[in-house]
Amino acid sequence: MRRTVALAALLLLSVGVAAAATAPKPPAPVFVLAGGGWGHGVGMSQWGAYGQAKAGRDHREILSTYYRGTAMGAAPETLLKRVRVLVADGVAKVSVANVAAVFDGDGKRYPIAGGTITASSDLELPVGKDGKPVKLTGPVTIRAAKSAFLSYGGKEFRGDLRVDAVGGRVQLVNVVGLEAYLLGVVPGEMPKDWPLAALEAQAVAARTYAVGNIVRGRPFDLYSDWRSQVYYGVDSEAPGPTRAVRETRGQILTYDGAPAQTFYFSSSGGRTISSLDAFGLDLPYLVSVDDPWDAASPNHAWTPQLLSGAQLAARFGLKNPVADVAYVPGTPGKPAAMRLTTADGETASARLSDVRTRLGLKSTGFRLGTLRLDLPTQPKGASPVVQLTGVAREVEGATIERRMPGGTWVTAKRLSPAADGTFAVKLRASGTTVYRLSADGLAGPPLTVRVTA
């Protein structure tokens, strides 16, 4: 009887050491960073398009996967005939080769004998009979010699180049048909040797994006960089992308009769993100979808990382270690966010794109999960059964592990946390036992349950 009473009285629970003069503390929570992909995650995964094409799906099936409920439509004839692409802006001068003639702002033609012209903001060009510079009214249109492409900055361009003075500097714009423009976009946005169906899907997405994102109030329609789409001109053209553009000529995606917002990116990591969560844009055709076809991507799955509360606090400018993180879904006008809370109640919220930047991630397709094992209360009576509680939120394969006498860890209990990540399990503690919480192949700090008989 005395031994039983002693066991009930001396069943002490601590962290790492026996509970004595000071109260034990629970192990600090840790945070599991897992995920995959590369890019903003909204719309078409290019690696997913690749996987679907390799599986024999055509470009219409690929596009319908990522842009739900859209229909195939036709690009406006005006844009098929001409789009204005900004090539250079705010430069002191431009030098263009393979020139046959220039046209001033009134449409008057001036032949160019030498084939190369250099223009600064004064628009004085050597078009006189004696070869002396003449000041022309702008904008000045530059046209290529027959069977040649205009050359500027080491790149060749289809169509015309238009030069004008803007703010005392020189602006250069490529005036070209939409389909010719796409010949220099598709190979810049997707590997040129990928399957034709993937390239066709890219061509339609790029054409739609161009039509739906015309720059307003400027003397050009599109940028030649990431602000619109990457455009390399003639030098990037290749047989596969060229065929894809030509075989989808004029095709765009529409929703309710208007051009769809055909965002695209490299790799989804297995699931795309809704435009609502990413940007706060409530577009019914840009929802989160499963994307198993992305599996071929080298960025499909990242190696999970374990972060401490102190590490997260340092990244987000918090004074004290982070004690909890939670996902906040997006609403119209307000994208999804992560809310971080410290033990003293200080909070900070960051959009997914901001979290991506602060943690140096390749995409917003991440999970920031919480592993927290609470300090158990002393059981009543003489029972050696201990109830462990905690949180295993936004993680995969959560388990309670027990350390064996030789130092190896074995699974003590596989967990099925509630929707909010909380769990409560009962375990038999025969003598002093060390437990830990693990998930995604990573383990949190140990909790020592000391039973003194």
Protein backbone atom coordinates (compact mmCIF):
# COMPACT_ATOMS: atom_id res chain seq x y z
CA MET A 1 0.00 0.00 0.00
CA ARG A 2 2.82 2.41 0.89
CA ARG A 3 4.46 1.80 -2.51
CA THR A 4 1.18 2.54 -4.34
CA VAL A 5 0.67 5.81 -2.45
CA ALA A 6 4.25 6.81 -3.14
CA LEU A 7 3.82 6.14 -6.86
CA ALA A 8 0.71 8.35 -7.03
CA ALA A 9 2.42 11.12 -5.13
CA LEU A 10 5.68 11.05 -7.05
CA LEU A 11 4.43 10.75 -10.62
CA LEU A 12 6.10 13.97 -11.83
CA LEU A 13 6.11 15.33 -15.35
CA SER A 14 8.90 17.60 -16.60
CA VAL A 15 10.79 18.70 -19.68
CA GLY A 16 14.25 17.21 -19.84
CA VAL A 17 14.79 17.17 -16.02
CA ALA A 18 12.79 16.07 -12.99
CA ALA A 19 10.34 18.56 -11.54
CA ALA A 20 11.83 19.88 -8.33
CA ALA A 21 11.96 23.40 -6.98
CA THR A 22 10.94 24.96 -10.31
CA ALA A 23 7.86 24.19 -12.38
CA PRO A 24 8.53 22.33 -15.64
CA LYS A 25 8.10 24.08 -18.97
CA PRO A 26 6.64 22.59 -22.14
CA PRO A 27 8.90 22.28 -25.18
CA ALA A 28 8.76 25.30 -27.45
CA PRO A 29 6.59 24.90 -30.56
CA VAL A 30 8.32 24.44 -33.88
CA PHE A 31 7.09 25.12 -37.38
CA VAL A 32 7.25 22.88 -40.43
CA LEU A 33 7.79 24.59 -43.78
CA ALA A 34 6.82 22.32 -46.66
CA GLY A 35 5.42 22.69 -50.16
CA GLY A 36 6.53 22.89 -53.74
CA GLY A 37 6.31 24.72 -57.02
CA TRP A 38 7.75 27.85 -58.55
CA GLY A 39 5.78 31.03 -59.23
CA HIS A 40 2.64 32.74 -58.00
CA GLY A 41 0.58 29.56 -58.36
CA VAL A 42 -2.48 31.00 -60.14
CA GLY A 43 -3.80 29.67 -63.45
CA MET A 44 -1.83 27.34 -65.70
CA SER A 45 1.10 25.42 -64.33
CA GLN A 46 3.50 25.13 -67.25
CA TRP A 47 4.98 21.90 -65.89
CA GLY A 48 1.42 20.66 -65.46
CA ALA A 49 0.76 21.49 -69.12
CA TYR A 50 3.90 19.52 -69.98
CA GLY A 51 2.68 16.52 -67.97
CA GLN A 52 -0.74 16.60 -69.59
CA ALA A 53 0.75 16.88 -73.06
CA LYS A 54 2.99 13.89 -72.37
CA ALA A 55 -0.13 12.00 -71.29
CA GLY A 56 -1.76 12.69 -74.67
CA ARG A 57 -4.13 15.52 -73.71
CA ASP A 58 -4.62 18.31 -76.25
CA HIS A 59 -4.31 22.03 -75.61
CA ARG A 60 -8.03 22.53 -75.07
CA GLU A 61 -8.08 19.88 -72.33
CA ILE A 62 -4.99 21.41 -70.75
CA LEU A 63 -6.50 24.89 -70.70
CA SER A 64 -9.85 23.70 -69.33
CA THR A 65 -7.99 22.17 -66.37
CA TYR A 66 -6.63 25.48 -65.16
CA TYR A 67 -9.20 28.00 -66.44
CA ARG A 68 -12.47 26.42 -65.32
CA GLY A 69 -15.61 27.38 -67.23
CA THR A 70 -13.89 29.44 -69.92
CA ALA A 71 -14.74 29.17 -73.61
CA MET A 72 -12.64 29.48 -76.75
CA GLY A 73 -13.06 32.80 -78.52
CA ALA A 74 -11.31 34.96 -81.12
CA ALA A 75 -8.83 37.79 -80.70
CA PRO A 76 -9.90 41.23 -82.03
CA GLU A 77 -8.87 41.83 -85.64
CA THR A 78 -7.38 45.20 -84.73
CA LEU A 79 -4.85 43.53 -82.43
CA LEU A 80 -4.16 40.74 -84.89
CA LYS A 81 -3.05 43.44 -87.28
CA ARG A 82 -1.07 45.57 -84.82
CA VAL A 83 0.18 45.70 -81.25
CA ARG A 84 2.73 48.19 -79.93
CA VAL A 85 5.41 46.63 -77.75
CA LEU A 86 7.73 48.82 -75.68
CA VAL A 87 11.31 47.83 -76.46
CA ALA A 88 13.32 50.67 -74.88
CA ASP A 89 12.35 53.63 -72.72
CA GLY A 90 14.19 56.56 -71.16
CA VAL A 91 17.42 56.03 -73.11
CA ALA A 92 19.67 58.73 -74.54
CA LYS A 93 19.70 57.32 -78.07
CA VAL A 94 18.94 54.23 -80.12
CA SER A 95 20.82 52.71 -83.04
CA VAL A 96 18.85 50.56 -85.48
CA ALA A 97 20.30 48.47 -88.33
CA ASN A 98 18.84 46.95 -91.52
CA VAL A 99 16.84 50.12 -92.20
CA ALA A 100 15.39 50.79 -95.65
CA ALA A 101 13.39 53.94 -94.88
CA VAL A 102 11.88 56.09 -92.15
CA PHE A 103 8.53 57.88 -92.02
CA ASP A 104 7.95 61.06 -90.06
CA GLY A 105 4.85 61.76 -87.97
CA ASP A 106 3.02 63.03 -91.05
CA GLY A 107 3.72 59.83 -93.00
CA LYS A 108 6.37 61.26 -95.32
CA ARG A 109 8.90 58.65 -96.44
CA TYR A 110 12.67 59.17 -96.32
CA PRO A 111 14.99 56.49 -97.75
CA ILE A 112 18.08 55.54 -95.72
CA ALA A 113 21.16 54.86 -97.80
CA GLY A 114 23.50 53.38 -95.19
CA GLY A 115 21.03 50.95 -93.62
CA THR A 116 21.73 52.11 -90.05
CA ILE A 117 20.42 55.14 -88.17
CA THR A 118 21.02 56.56 -84.72
CA ALA A 119 18.28 58.66 -83.17
CA SER A 120 18.31 60.82 -80.06
CA SER A 121 15.48 62.82 -78.51
CA ASP A 122 15.87 65.66 -81.04
CA LEU A 123 14.76 63.22 -83.81
CA GLU A 124 17.39 64.63 -86.21
CA LEU A 125 18.14 61.91 -88.74
CA PRO A 126 20.40 61.83 -91.85
CA VAL A 127 17.60 61.92 -94.40
CA GLY A 128 18.58 64.99 -96.43
CA LYS A 129 19.81 64.72 -100.01
CA ASP A 130 23.33 65.46 -98.86
CA GLY A 131 23.09 63.07 -95.90
CA LYS A 132 22.89 65.83 -93.34
CA PRO A 133 20.58 65.44 -90.32
CA VAL A 134 17.06 66.76 -90.67
CA LYS A 135 14.76 67.28 -87.68
CA LEU A 136 11.64 65.18 -88.22
CA THR A 137 8.24 65.41 -86.58
CA GLY A 138 7.58 62.47 -84.36
CA PRO A 139 6.89 59.76 -83.88
CA VAL A 140 9.29 58.42 -86.50
CA THR A 141 8.59 54.97 -87.95
CA ILE A 142 11.55 52.84 -89.00
CA ARG A 143 11.02 50.18 -91.67
CA ALA A 144 13.28 47.27 -92.55
CA ALA A 145 14.93 46.52 -95.84
CA LYS A 146 13.26 43.83 -97.93
CA SER A 147 13.72 40.28 -96.57
CA ALA A 148 15.42 41.64 -93.44
CA PHE A 149 14.55 42.32 -89.83
CA LEU A 150 15.25 45.52 -87.98
CA SER A 151 18.01 45.09 -85.42
CA TYR A 152 18.34 46.91 -82.11
CA GLY A 153 20.29 46.06 -78.97
CA GLY A 154 21.50 42.75 -80.38
CA LYS A 155 17.94 41.58 -81.16
CA GLU A 156 16.00 41.43 -84.40
CA PHE A 157 12.34 42.39 -84.67
CA ARG A 158 9.52 41.74 -87.09
CA GLY A 159 7.38 44.68 -88.16
CA ASP A 160 8.39 48.33 -87.67
CA LEU A 161 10.17 50.18 -84.89
CA ARG A 162 8.79 53.53 -83.83
CA VAL A 163 11.01 56.10 -82.14
CA ASP A 164 9.79 59.18 -80.29
CA ALA A 165 10.94 61.71 -77.71
CA VAL A 166 9.24 61.29 -74.31
CA GLY A 167 10.31 63.49 -71.43
CA GLY A 168 13.50 64.50 -73.16
CA ARG A 169 14.59 60.88 -73.66
CA VAL A 170 14.07 58.27 -76.37
CA GLN A 171 11.32 55.67 -76.45
CA LEU A 172 11.41 52.76 -78.90
CA VAL A 173 8.30 50.72 -79.71
CA ASN A 174 7.96 47.63 -81.90
CA VAL A 175 4.80 47.84 -84.04
CA VAL A 176 3.95 44.29 -85.06
CA GLY A 177 1.00 41.94 -85.58
CA LEU A 178 -0.20 39.99 -82.57
CA GLU A 179 0.70 36.61 -84.07
CA ALA A 180 4.22 37.78 -85.00
CA TYR A 181 4.61 39.13 -81.46
CA LEU A 182 3.67 35.72 -80.04
CA LEU A 183 6.39 34.06 -82.11
CA GLY A 184 8.86 35.84 -79.84
CA VAL A 185 6.85 35.32 -76.62
CA VAL A 186 6.02 31.61 -76.49
CA PRO A 187 9.66 30.41 -76.64
CA GLY A 188 10.54 33.03 -74.05
CA GLU A 189 7.92 31.73 -71.63
CA MET A 190 8.12 27.95 -72.20
CA PRO A 191 10.98 25.64 -73.29
CA LYS A 192 10.91 25.47 -77.08
CA ASP A 193 11.37 21.68 -77.25
CA TRP A 194 8.35 20.81 -75.12
CA PRO A 195 5.42 18.79 -76.58
CA LEU A 196 3.27 20.62 -79.12
CA ALA A 197 0.08 20.49 -77.02
CA ALA A 198 1.84 22.25 -74.13
CA LEU A 199 3.21 24.90 -76.49
CA GLU A 200 -0.26 25.37 -78.01
CA ALA A 201 -1.74 25.84 -74.53
CA GLN A 202 0.99 28.40 -73.84
CA ALA A 203 0.26 30.18 -77.12
CA VAL A 204 -3.44 30.53 -76.30
CA ALA A 205 -2.72 31.63 -72.73
CA ALA A 206 -0.14 34.18 -73.90
CA ARG A 207 -2.41 35.50 -76.66
CA THR A 208 -5.30 35.85 -74.21
CA TYR A 209 -3.12 37.55 -71.64
CA ALA A 210 -1.91 40.07 -74.23
CA VAL A 211 -5.46 40.85 -75.39
CA GLY A 212 -6.76 41.19 -71.84
CA ASN A 213 -3.92 43.30 -70.47
CA ILE A 214 -3.48 46.13 -72.95
CA VAL A 215 -1.72 49.08 -71.30
CA ARG A 216 -4.06 52.06 -71.22
CA GLY A 217 -3.17 55.74 -71.62
CA ARG A 218 0.33 55.12 -72.96
CA PRO A 219 1.77 55.26 -76.51
CA PHE A 220 2.28 51.49 -76.43
CA ASP A 221 0.11 48.44 -75.70
CA LEU A 222 2.46 45.96 -74.05
CA TYR A 223 5.77 45.79 -72.23
CA SER A 224 8.49 43.45 -73.48
CA ASP A 225 9.32 42.14 -69.99
CA TRP A 226 7.62 40.59 -66.96
CA ARG A 227 5.21 43.53 -66.69
CA SER A 228 3.40 41.99 -69.67
CA GLN A 229 5.20 38.94 -71.04
CA VAL A 230 8.81 38.24 -71.91
CA TYR A 231 9.35 39.11 -75.58
CA TYR A 232 12.68 38.32 -77.25
CA GLY A 233 11.88 39.09 -80.87
CA VAL A 234 13.05 37.03 -83.83
CA ASP A 235 16.14 35.59 -82.11
CA SER A 236 14.13 33.32 -79.82
CA GLU A 237 11.85 31.89 -82.51
CA ALA A 238 11.90 28.10 -82.91
CA PRO A 239 9.96 25.53 -84.99
CA GLY A 240 7.87 24.10 -82.12
CA PRO A 241 6.58 27.40 -80.69
CA THR A 242 6.08 28.81 -84.20
CA ARG A 243 3.92 25.85 -85.14
CA ALA A 244 1.97 26.20 -81.88
CA VAL A 245 1.23 29.86 -82.56
CA ARG A 246 0.16 29.23 -86.13
CA GLU A 247 -2.04 26.24 -85.34
CA THR A 248 -3.90 28.22 -82.66
CA ARG A 249 -4.07 31.44 -84.67
CA GLY A 250 -6.46 33.96 -83.15
CA GLN A 251 -7.65 31.64 -80.34
CA ILE A 252 -8.20 33.21 -76.92
CA LEU A 253 -10.06 32.14 -73.78
CA THR A 254 -13.15 34.07 -72.75
CA TYR A 255 -15.45 34.14 -69.75
CA ASP A 256 -18.87 35.75 -70.09
CA GLY A 257 -17.76 37.01 -73.48
CA ALA A 258 -14.67 38.91 -72.25
CA PRO A 259 -11.01 37.84 -72.41
CA ALA A 260 -10.11 35.75 -69.36
CA GLN A 261 -7.22 36.60 -67.06
CA THR A 262 -4.92 33.77 -68.11
CA PHE A 263 -2.25 33.92 -65.44
CA TYR A 264 0.38 31.21 -65.80
CA PHE A 265 3.53 30.19 -63.96
CA SER A 266 6.17 27.46 -63.84
CA SER A 267 5.25 24.77 -61.31
CA SER A 268 2.30 24.19 -58.94
CA GLY A 269 3.77 21.63 -56.58
CA GLY A 270 0.62 19.55 -57.07
CA ARG A 271 -2.09 22.16 -56.54
CA THR A 272 -2.73 25.63 -57.93
CA ILE A 273 -3.84 28.60 -55.81
CA SER A 274 -7.06 30.55 -56.34
CA SER A 275 -6.83 34.12 -57.55
CA LEU A 276 -8.83 35.07 -54.45
CA ASP A 277 -6.20 33.72 -52.06
CA ALA A 278 -3.24 34.96 -54.11
CA PHE A 279 -4.41 38.40 -55.24
CA GLY A 280 -7.80 39.06 -53.63
CA LEU A 281 -9.39 38.76 -57.10
CA ASP A 282 -12.62 36.76 -57.05
CA LEU A 283 -12.47 35.22 -60.53
CA PRO A 284 -14.64 32.08 -60.73
CA TYR A 285 -12.49 30.45 -63.41
CA LEU A 286 -9.25 30.81 -61.40
CA VAL A 287 -9.91 28.46 -58.52
CA SER A 288 -7.52 26.12 -56.75
CA VAL A 289 -7.27 22.78 -58.60
CA ASP A 290 -5.36 19.56 -58.07
CA ASP A 291 -2.45 19.29 -60.48
CA PRO A 292 -0.91 15.80 -60.41
CA TRP A 293 0.55 16.42 -63.88
CA ASP A 294 3.10 18.77 -62.31
CA ALA A 295 5.00 15.78 -60.88
CA ALA A 296 7.75 15.99 -63.52
CA SER A 297 8.78 19.43 -62.31
CA PRO A 298 12.16 19.61 -60.54
CA ASN A 299 10.43 21.96 -58.07
CA HIS A 300 7.37 19.79 -57.53
CA ALA A 301 8.24 19.07 -53.88
CA TRP A 302 10.68 20.88 -51.63
CA THR A 303 12.66 19.32 -48.82
CA PRO A 304 10.72 20.21 -45.64
CA GLN A 305 12.39 22.54 -43.14
CA LEU A 306 11.96 22.95 -39.40
CA LEU A 307 11.87 26.55 -38.12
CA SER A 308 11.92 27.76 -34.56
CA GLY A 309 9.69 30.48 -33.18
CA ALA A 310 12.74 32.71 -32.80
CA GLN A 311 13.67 32.24 -36.46
CA LEU A 312 10.17 33.20 -37.60
CA ALA A 313 10.13 36.21 -35.28
CA ALA A 314 13.40 37.46 -36.79
CA ARG A 315 12.04 37.11 -40.34
CA PHE A 316 8.85 39.02 -39.53
CA GLY A 317 10.19 41.67 -37.17
CA LEU A 318 8.58 40.38 -33.98
CA LYS A 319 10.26 40.93 -30.61
CA ASN A 320 9.42 37.55 -29.08
CA PRO A 321 9.43 34.02 -30.52
CA VAL A 322 6.38 32.98 -32.51
CA ALA A 323 4.10 30.61 -30.59
CA ASP A 324 1.50 29.90 -33.28
CA VAL A 325 0.77 30.43 -36.97
CA ALA A 326 -2.58 30.24 -38.70
CA TYR A 327 -3.82 30.50 -42.28
CA VAL A 328 -6.33 33.27 -43.01
CA PRO A 329 -8.36 32.64 -46.24
CA GLY A 330 -8.65 35.36 -48.85
CA THR A 331 -11.68 37.56 -49.40
CA PRO A 332 -12.52 39.87 -52.35
CA GLY A 333 -9.90 42.61 -52.39
CA LYS A 334 -7.88 40.97 -49.64
CA PRO A 335 -5.63 37.98 -50.43
CA ALA A 336 -4.97 35.09 -48.06
CA ALA A 337 -2.45 35.64 -45.28
CA MET A 338 -0.55 33.97 -42.47
CA ARG A 339 -1.18 35.25 -38.96
CA LEU A 340 1.71 34.85 -36.52
CA THR A 341 1.20 35.10 -32.76
CA THR A 342 3.79 35.28 -29.99
CA ALA A 343 3.40 33.93 -26.47
CA ASP A 344 2.64 37.41 -25.14
CA GLY A 345 -0.14 37.96 -27.68
CA GLU A 346 1.73 40.10 -30.22
CA THR A 347 0.44 39.37 -33.74
CA ALA A 348 1.53 40.04 -37.30
CA SER A 349 -0.15 39.20 -40.59
CA ALA A 350 1.56 38.79 -43.94
CA ARG A 351 0.19 38.01 -47.38
CA LEU A 352 1.32 34.73 -48.90
CA SER A 353 3.48 36.63 -51.37
CA ASP A 354 5.14 38.49 -48.48
CA VAL A 355 5.75 35.24 -46.61
CA ARG A 356 7.31 33.87 -49.78
CA THR A 357 9.67 36.84 -49.95
CA ARG A 358 10.61 36.86 -46.26
CA LEU A 359 11.32 33.13 -46.20
CA GLY A 360 13.04 33.08 -49.60
CA LEU A 361 10.63 30.58 -51.17
CA LYS A 362 10.18 29.78 -54.85
CA SER A 363 6.39 29.95 -54.72
CA THR A 364 3.35 30.65 -52.60
CA GLY A 365 2.51 26.93 -52.69
CA PHE A 366 3.77 26.34 -49.16
CA ARG A 367 2.48 25.00 -45.86
CA LEU A 368 3.66 26.55 -42.62
CA GLY A 369 2.56 23.98 -40.07
CA THR A 370 2.71 24.01 -36.28
CA LEU A 371 4.03 21.24 -34.02
CA ARG A 372 3.33 21.84 -30.33
CA LEU A 373 3.40 19.30 -27.54
CA ASP A 374 1.82 20.53 -24.30
CA LEU A 375 2.99 19.81 -20.78
CA PRO A 376 0.67 17.07 -19.48
CA THR A 377 -1.05 17.37 -16.15
CA GLN A 378 -0.27 14.91 -13.38
CA PRO A 379 -2.63 11.95 -13.66
CA LYS A 380 -4.98 11.18 -10.78
CA GLY A 381 -4.41 8.16 -8.68
CA ALA A 382 -1.71 5.62 -9.35
CA SER A 383 -2.38 5.14 -13.07
CA PRO A 384 0.73 5.40 -15.30
CA VAL A 385 -1.47 6.44 -18.24
CA VAL A 386 -0.54 9.92 -19.47
CA GLN A 387 -2.67 12.10 -21.70
CA LEU A 388 -0.65 14.10 -24.20
CA THR A 389 -2.20 17.07 -25.95
CA GLY A 390 -0.93 19.57 -28.46
CA VAL A 391 -1.25 20.88 -31.98
CA ALA A 392 -0.26 19.30 -35.31
CA ARG A 393 -1.70 21.77 -37.78
CA GLU A 394 -1.07 21.94 -41.56
CA VAL A 395 1.34 19.00 -41.45
CA GLU A 396 1.34 15.50 -42.89
CA GLY A 397 1.95 12.19 -41.15
CA ALA A 398 1.82 13.53 -37.58
CA THR A 399 2.92 10.99 -34.95
CA ILE A 400 3.93 10.78 -31.32
CA GLU A 401 7.32 9.05 -31.07
CA ARG A 402 8.93 7.41 -28.03
CA ARG A 403 12.66 7.15 -27.42
CA MET A 404 13.92 3.64 -26.71
CA PRO A 405 16.66 2.87 -24.17
CA GLY A 406 19.24 2.61 -26.95
CA GLY A 407 18.39 6.09 -28.25
CA THR A 408 16.34 5.13 -31.28
CA TRP A 409 12.85 6.57 -31.79
CA VAL A 410 9.78 4.48 -32.51
CA THR A 411 6.18 5.40 -33.27
CA ALA A 412 4.06 5.46 -30.14
CA LYS A 413 0.85 6.81 -31.72
CA ARG A 414 -0.25 7.96 -35.15
CA LEU A 415 -2.33 11.08 -34.84
CA SER A 416 -5.58 12.16 -36.46
CA PRO A 417 -5.79 15.82 -35.40
CA ALA A 418 -9.06 17.73 -35.38
CA ALA A 419 -9.80 20.33 -38.05
CA ASP A 420 -8.01 23.00 -36.01
CA GLY A 421 -4.96 20.76 -35.57
CA THR A 422 -5.50 19.91 -31.90
CA PHE A 423 -5.15 16.36 -30.59
CA ALA A 424 -5.35 14.42 -27.32
CA VAL A 425 -4.02 10.89 -26.90
CA LYS A 426 -3.49 8.57 -23.94
CA LEU A 427 -0.22 6.67 -23.60
CA ARG A 428 1.16 4.32 -20.97
CA ALA A 429 4.33 5.70 -19.37
CA SER A 430 6.25 2.80 -17.82
CA GLY A 431 8.99 4.61 -15.98
CA THR A 432 10.65 7.71 -17.30
CA THR A 433 9.72 8.13 -20.98
CA VAL A 434 10.77 10.70 -23.58
CA TYR A 435 8.27 11.64 -26.28
CA ARG A 436 8.36 13.95 -29.27
CA LEU A 437 5.96 15.11 -31.94
CA SER A 438 6.96 14.58 -35.59
CA ALA A 439 5.49 15.23 -39.04
CA ASP A 440 6.69 15.55 -42.64
CA GLY A 441 9.77 13.56 -41.66
CA LEU A 442 10.81 16.19 -39.11
CA ALA A 443 10.74 16.02 -35.31
CA GLY A 444 10.05 18.58 -32.62
CA PRO A 445 11.84 18.89 -29.29
CA PRO A 446 11.54 16.11 -26.69
CA LEU A 447 9.24 16.00 -23.71
CA THR A 448 10.39 13.92 -20.76
CA VAL A 449 7.68 12.29 -18.71
CA ARG A 450 9.41 11.25 -15.47
CA VAL A 451 7.74 8.61 -13.31
CA THR A 452 9.46 8.15 -9.99
CA ALA A 453 8.40 5.15 -7.97
